Amino acid sequence: MSTSTAMLLAELAVEALVLPLLLVGILRTLRARLQKRTGPRILQPFYDLARLTRKSSSISLETGPVFRTAPAISLTAYLLVALVTPWWGLCAPIRGDLILVIFLLATARMAIGLAAMDTGTAFGGMGASRESMLSIFVEPTMVLALSAAALVSGNLWLNGLAKPSVIAGGSAYVLPLAAAALWLAAAVETSRMPIEDPVTHLELTMIHEAQLLEYSGARLALLEYQSALKLTVLYGLVAQLLLNELVIREPFERWVGTLGLILCLVVAAAILDTLLVRLHWRKLPDLLIFGLAFSLVACLLAALRG
Protein backbone atom coordinates (compact mmCIF):
# COMPACT_ATOMS: atom_id res chain seq x y z
CA MET A 1 0.00 0.00 0.00
CA SER A 2 1.40 3.40 -0.98
CA THR A 3 1.86 6.24 1.49
CA SER A 4 -0.78 8.39 -0.21
CA THR A 5 -3.35 5.58 -0.05
CA ALA A 6 -2.58 4.99 3.64
CA MET A 7 -3.01 8.69 4.42
CA LEU A 8 -6.27 8.75 2.45
CA LEU A 9 -7.58 5.76 4.42
CA ALA A 10 -6.56 7.37 7.71
CA GLU A 11 -8.32 10.63 6.85
CA LEU A 12 -11.40 8.74 5.73
CA ALA A 13 -11.42 6.69 8.94
CA VAL A 14 -11.33 9.84 11.08
CA GLU A 15 -14.15 11.45 9.12
CA ALA A 16 -16.26 8.29 9.09
CA LEU A 17 -15.90 7.90 12.87
CA VAL A 18 -16.39 11.52 13.96
CA LEU A 19 -18.50 13.30 11.34
CA PRO A 20 -21.61 11.03 11.38
CA LEU A 21 -22.16 11.33 15.13
CA LEU A 22 -21.40 15.05 15.04
CA LEU A 23 -23.98 15.61 12.29
CA VAL A 24 -26.60 13.65 14.22
CA GLY A 25 -25.89 15.81 17.28
CA ILE A 26 -26.26 18.99 15.22
CA LEU A 27 -29.50 17.70 13.70
CA ARG A 28 -31.06 16.81 17.04
CA THR A 29 -29.96 20.03 18.74
CA LEU A 30 -31.14 22.24 15.90
CA ARG A 31 -34.50 20.46 15.71
CA ALA A 32 -34.99 20.97 19.44
CA ARG A 33 -34.10 24.67 19.15
CA LEU A 34 -36.59 25.11 16.31
CA GLN A 35 -39.24 23.52 18.52
CA LYS A 36 -38.26 25.88 21.38
CA ARG A 37 -36.87 23.06 23.50
CA THR A 38 -33.50 22.86 25.22
CA GLY A 39 -32.67 19.57 23.58
CA PRO A 40 -29.51 17.48 23.88
CA ARG A 41 -25.93 18.66 23.53
CA ILE A 42 -24.30 18.46 20.13
CA LEU A 43 -21.86 15.84 21.45
CA GLN A 44 -24.61 13.77 23.08
CA PRO A 45 -24.48 10.98 20.41
CA PHE A 46 -20.87 10.29 21.42
CA TYR A 47 -21.89 9.88 25.08
CA ASP A 48 -24.88 7.73 24.12
CA LEU A 49 -22.70 5.44 22.04
CA ALA A 50 -20.17 5.07 24.86
CA ARG A 51 -22.96 4.34 27.34
CA LEU A 52 -24.54 1.69 25.12
CA THR A 53 -21.24 -0.11 24.52
CA ARG A 54 -20.77 -0.51 28.29
CA LYS A 55 -24.20 -2.08 28.74
CA SER A 56 -24.93 -5.76 28.37
CA SER A 57 -27.38 -6.91 25.70
CA SER A 58 -30.74 -8.44 26.51
CA ILE A 59 -31.46 -11.16 23.94
CA SER A 60 -34.64 -13.19 23.73
CA LEU A 61 -34.28 -16.96 23.79
CA GLU A 62 -36.56 -17.09 20.74
CA THR A 63 -34.04 -15.34 18.50
CA GLY A 64 -31.42 -17.07 16.40
CA PRO A 65 -28.03 -16.20 14.90
CA VAL A 66 -29.63 -13.85 12.37
CA PHE A 67 -30.69 -11.46 15.14
CA ARG A 68 -27.26 -11.58 16.76
CA THR A 69 -25.21 -11.00 13.61
CA ALA A 70 -27.46 -8.54 11.74
CA PRO A 71 -26.04 -5.34 13.34
CA ALA A 72 -22.48 -6.31 12.41
CA ILE A 73 -23.50 -7.27 8.86
CA SER A 74 -25.45 -4.05 8.35
CA LEU A 75 -22.64 -1.86 9.71
CA THR A 76 -20.04 -3.69 7.61
CA ALA A 77 -22.11 -3.08 4.49
CA TYR A 78 -22.29 0.67 5.15
CA LEU A 79 -18.59 0.85 6.00
CA LEU A 80 -17.88 -0.71 2.60
CA VAL A 81 -20.21 1.83 0.97
CA ALA A 82 -18.21 4.59 2.66
CA LEU A 83 -14.99 3.06 1.30
CA VAL A 84 -16.09 2.74 -2.34
CA THR A 85 -17.98 6.04 -2.77
CA PRO A 86 -16.56 9.59 -2.90
CA TRP A 87 -19.13 10.89 -0.40
CA TRP A 88 -16.56 13.15 1.31
CA GLY A 89 -15.53 15.06 -1.83
CA LEU A 90 -12.37 13.10 -2.65
CA CYS A 91 -11.89 9.94 -4.69
CA ALA A 92 -12.59 6.78 -2.73
CA PRO A 93 -9.57 4.66 -1.78
CA ILE A 94 -11.29 1.54 -3.16
CA ARG A 95 -12.91 1.53 -6.59
CA GLY A 96 -16.55 0.51 -6.67
CA ASP A 97 -19.35 0.85 -9.19
CA LEU A 98 -22.98 1.74 -8.60
CA ILE A 99 -24.12 -1.90 -8.79
CA LEU A 100 -21.87 -2.76 -5.84
CA VAL A 101 -23.23 0.17 -3.84
CA ILE A 102 -26.86 -0.81 -4.47
CA PHE A 103 -26.02 -4.42 -3.53
CA LEU A 104 -24.42 -3.32 -0.25
CA LEU A 105 -27.38 -1.07 0.64
CA ALA A 106 -29.79 -3.93 -0.10
CA THR A 107 -27.67 -6.30 2.02
CA ALA A 108 -27.88 -3.97 5.01
CA ARG A 109 -31.64 -3.60 4.60
CA MET A 110 -32.12 -7.34 4.22
CA ALA A 111 -30.06 -8.11 7.33
CA ILE A 112 -32.10 -5.78 9.54
CA GLY A 113 -35.39 -6.98 8.05
CA LEU A 114 -34.55 -10.64 8.67
CA ALA A 115 -33.44 -9.82 12.20
CA ALA A 116 -36.73 -8.04 12.89
CA MET A 117 -38.70 -11.08 11.71
CA ASP A 118 -36.39 -13.40 13.65
CA THR A 119 -37.63 -11.88 16.92
CA GLY A 120 -41.15 -13.16 16.28
CA THR A 121 -42.73 -9.93 17.56
CA ALA A 122 -45.66 -8.20 15.91
CA PHE A 123 -43.95 -4.80 15.69
CA GLY A 124 -40.74 -6.26 14.25
CA GLY A 125 -42.61 -8.07 11.50
CA MET A 126 -44.72 -4.99 10.78
CA GLY A 127 -41.63 -2.78 10.51
CA ALA A 128 -39.88 -5.27 8.23
CA SER A 129 -42.95 -5.47 5.99
CA ARG A 130 -43.23 -1.70 5.69
CA GLU A 131 -39.50 -1.31 5.04
CA SER A 132 -39.70 -3.90 2.27
CA MET A 133 -42.59 -2.08 0.65
CA LEU A 134 -40.71 1.24 0.69
CA SER A 135 -37.64 -0.42 -0.81
CA ILE A 136 -39.72 -1.14 -3.94
CA PHE A 137 -39.62 2.62 -4.60
CA VAL A 138 -36.26 3.50 -3.03
CA GLU A 139 -33.99 0.99 -4.76
CA PRO A 140 -35.06 1.81 -8.38
CA THR A 141 -34.82 5.51 -7.53
CA MET A 142 -31.24 5.15 -6.31
CA VAL A 143 -30.25 2.91 -9.21
CA LEU A 144 -31.60 5.36 -11.81
CA ALA A 145 -30.20 8.45 -10.04
CA LEU A 146 -26.70 6.98 -9.79
CA SER A 147 -27.01 5.65 -13.36
CA ALA A 148 -27.75 9.17 -14.59
CA ALA A 149 -24.64 10.42 -12.80
CA ALA A 150 -22.62 7.55 -14.28
CA LEU A 151 -23.83 8.40 -17.79
CA VAL A 152 -22.77 12.01 -17.32
CA SER A 153 -19.34 11.06 -15.96
CA GLY A 154 -18.88 8.44 -18.69
CA ASN A 155 -18.28 5.32 -16.55
CA LEU A 156 -19.85 3.18 -13.83
CA TRP A 157 -17.12 3.87 -11.27
CA LEU A 158 -18.51 6.24 -8.65
CA ASN A 159 -15.18 8.03 -8.29
CA GLY A 160 -16.33 9.94 -11.36
CA LEU A 161 -18.69 11.85 -9.04
CA ALA A 162 -15.69 13.47 -7.36
CA LYS A 163 -14.49 14.92 -10.65
CA PRO A 164 -16.12 17.92 -12.36
CA SER A 165 -18.33 16.88 -15.24
CA VAL A 166 -18.72 18.72 -18.50
CA ILE A 167 -22.31 19.93 -18.60
CA ALA A 168 -23.64 20.85 -22.00
CA GLY A 169 -27.04 21.71 -23.40
CA GLY A 170 -30.05 19.98 -21.86
CA SER A 171 -27.85 17.75 -19.69
CA ALA A 172 -27.54 20.64 -17.19
CA TYR A 173 -30.80 19.37 -15.71
CA VAL A 174 -29.51 15.83 -15.20
CA LEU A 175 -27.56 16.17 -11.97
CA PRO A 176 -30.07 18.42 -10.12
CA LEU A 177 -32.86 15.96 -10.94
CA ALA A 178 -30.68 13.04 -9.84
CA ALA A 179 -29.78 14.90 -6.64
CA ALA A 180 -33.45 15.59 -5.87
CA ALA A 181 -34.32 11.92 -6.41
CA LEU A 182 -31.41 10.72 -4.28
CA TRP A 183 -32.32 13.19 -1.53
CA LEU A 184 -35.87 11.85 -1.41
CA ALA A 185 -34.52 8.29 -1.27
CA ALA A 186 -32.20 9.37 1.55
CA ALA A 187 -35.20 10.74 3.46
CA VAL A 188 -36.70 7.25 3.38
CA GLU A 189 -33.44 5.51 4.28
CA THR A 190 -32.78 7.85 7.23
CA SER A 191 -36.39 7.90 8.52
CA ARG A 192 -37.01 11.61 8.11
CA MET A 193 -40.24 13.57 7.83
CA PRO A 194 -42.69 13.22 6.14
CA ILE A 195 -41.86 9.52 5.77
CA GLU A 196 -41.41 8.71 9.44
CA ASP A 197 -41.20 10.66 12.68
CA PRO A 198 -37.62 10.05 13.92
CA VAL A 199 -38.53 10.77 17.57
CA THR A 200 -41.85 8.94 17.81
CA HIS A 201 -42.56 6.48 20.63
CA LEU A 202 -45.72 5.09 18.99
CA GLU A 203 -44.88 1.61 17.72
CA LEU A 204 -47.84 1.50 15.33
CA THR A 205 -46.45 4.47 13.35
CA MET A 206 -42.84 3.22 13.20
CA ILE A 207 -41.19 1.85 10.08
CA HIS A 208 -37.44 1.53 10.47
CA GLU A 209 -37.35 1.98 14.24
CA ALA A 210 -39.86 -0.84 14.75
CA GLN A 211 -37.20 -3.25 13.53
CA LEU A 212 -34.79 -2.18 16.27
CA LEU A 213 -37.06 -2.37 19.31
CA GLU A 214 -35.58 -5.65 20.56
CA TYR A 215 -31.96 -4.48 20.44
CA SER A 216 -29.99 -3.17 23.39
CA GLY A 217 -26.44 -2.70 24.58
CA ALA A 218 -23.51 -2.95 22.16
CA ARG A 219 -25.66 -4.22 19.28
CA LEU A 220 -27.90 -1.16 19.57
CA ALA A 221 -24.75 1.00 19.60
CA LEU A 222 -23.69 -0.55 16.28
CA LEU A 223 -27.11 0.20 14.79
CA GLU A 224 -27.08 3.79 16.06
CA TYR A 225 -23.68 4.40 14.51
CA GLN A 226 -24.77 2.68 11.31
CA SER A 227 -27.79 5.02 11.06
CA ALA A 228 -25.52 8.06 11.51
CA LEU A 229 -23.06 6.76 8.91
CA LYS A 230 -25.92 6.09 6.49
CA LEU A 231 -27.16 9.67 6.81
CA THR A 232 -23.67 11.08 6.24
CA VAL A 233 -22.82 8.92 3.23
CA LEU A 234 -26.15 9.48 1.46
CA TYR A 235 -26.05 13.23 2.05
CA GLY A 236 -22.45 13.21 0.84
CA LEU A 237 -23.50 11.56 -2.43
CA VAL A 238 -26.23 14.17 -2.89
CA ALA A 239 -23.59 16.85 -2.28
CA GLN A 240 -21.34 15.38 -5.00
CA LEU A 241 -24.15 15.57 -7.55
CA LEU A 242 -24.72 19.23 -6.68
CA LEU A 243 -21.00 20.09 -6.65
CA ASN A 244 -20.60 18.76 -10.18
CA GLU A 245 -22.83 21.62 -11.31
CA LEU A 246 -20.30 24.09 -9.85
CA VAL A 247 -17.32 22.41 -11.58
CA ILE A 248 -15.00 22.74 -8.57
CA ARG A 249 -11.64 21.28 -9.56
CA GLU A 250 -9.38 21.67 -6.51
CA PRO A 251 -9.59 18.69 -4.10
CA PHE A 252 -9.48 20.88 -0.99
CA GLU A 253 -12.24 23.11 -2.32
CA ARG A 254 -14.39 20.05 -3.11
CA TRP A 255 -13.80 18.69 0.39
CA VAL A 256 -14.82 21.99 2.02
CA GLY A 257 -17.77 22.35 -0.35
CA THR A 258 -18.90 18.81 0.44
CA LEU A 259 -18.85 19.45 4.19
CA GLY A 260 -20.75 22.70 3.68
CA LEU A 261 -23.43 21.06 1.54
CA ILE A 262 -23.81 18.13 3.95
CA LEU A 263 -24.30 20.61 6.77
CA CYS A 264 -26.89 22.50 4.69
CA LEU A 265 -28.77 19.24 4.06
CA VAL A 266 -28.72 18.47 7.79
CA VAL A 267 -30.12 21.93 8.56
CA ALA A 268 -32.81 21.41 5.90
CA ALA A 269 -33.69 18.04 7.45
CA ALA A 270 -34.08 19.65 10.88
CA ILE A 271 -36.34 22.36 9.44
CA LEU A 272 -38.49 19.85 7.56
CA ASP A 273 -38.75 17.63 10.65
CA THR A 274 -40.15 20.66 12.47
CA LEU A 275 -42.53 21.95 9.79
CA LEU A 276 -43.89 18.76 8.21
CA VAL A 277 -46.19 16.12 9.61
CA ARG A 278 -45.94 12.41 8.99
CA LEU A 279 -47.92 11.27 5.96
CA HIS A 280 -50.47 8.51 6.25
CA TRP A 281 -48.97 5.15 5.38
CA ARG A 282 -51.14 4.82 2.26
CA LYS A 283 -50.01 8.24 0.99
CA LEU A 284 -46.30 7.43 0.98
CA PRO A 285 -46.26 5.80 -2.50
CA ASP A 286 -47.79 8.99 -3.93
CA LEU A 287 -44.78 10.93 -2.60
CA LEU A 288 -42.09 8.40 -3.44
CA ILE A 289 -43.23 8.13 -7.04
CA PHE A 290 -41.92 11.68 -7.52
CA GLY A 291 -38.40 10.53 -6.66
CA LEU A 292 -38.73 7.65 -9.12
CA ALA A 293 -39.97 10.05 -11.80
CA PHE A 294 -37.12 12.53 -11.17
CA SER A 295 -34.49 9.79 -11.45
CA LEU A 296 -36.09 8.35 -14.59
CA VAL A 297 -36.19 11.74 -16.31
CA ALA A 298 -32.58 12.39 -15.29
CA CYS A 299 -31.53 9.03 -16.70
CA LEU A 300 -33.36 9.68 -19.98
CA LEU A 301 -31.80 13.15 -20.35
CA ALA A 302 -28.34 11.73 -19.65
CA ALA A 303 -28.91 8.97 -22.23
CA LEU A 304 -30.10 11.49 -24.86
CA ARG A 305 -27.03 13.61 -24.14
CA GLY A 306 -24.79 10.63 -24.87
Foldseek 3Di string as FASTA:
>chain_A
DDPVLVVVVVVLVVCLVPVLLLLVLVLQCLLCVVVVHRTDHSNVLVVVLVVLQPDDKDDDPQADVLLVCLLVLLLVLLVVLSQQAPLLLAHHSDWDFLVSNLVSNVRNLVSLLVNLVRNVDPLSPQLSVLLVVVCVLLSLLLVLLLLLVCLQLVHRTNSSLSAAGDDDDPLLLQLVLSLVLLLVSLCSLLQFPQAHQPPDPDSVRDHSVSSCPNITGNSVSSVVSSSSSSLSSSQSSSQSSVVSSVRDHDSVVSSVSSVVSSSVSSSVRSVCSNPGHHDDSVCVVVVSVSSSVSSVVSSVSSVVVD
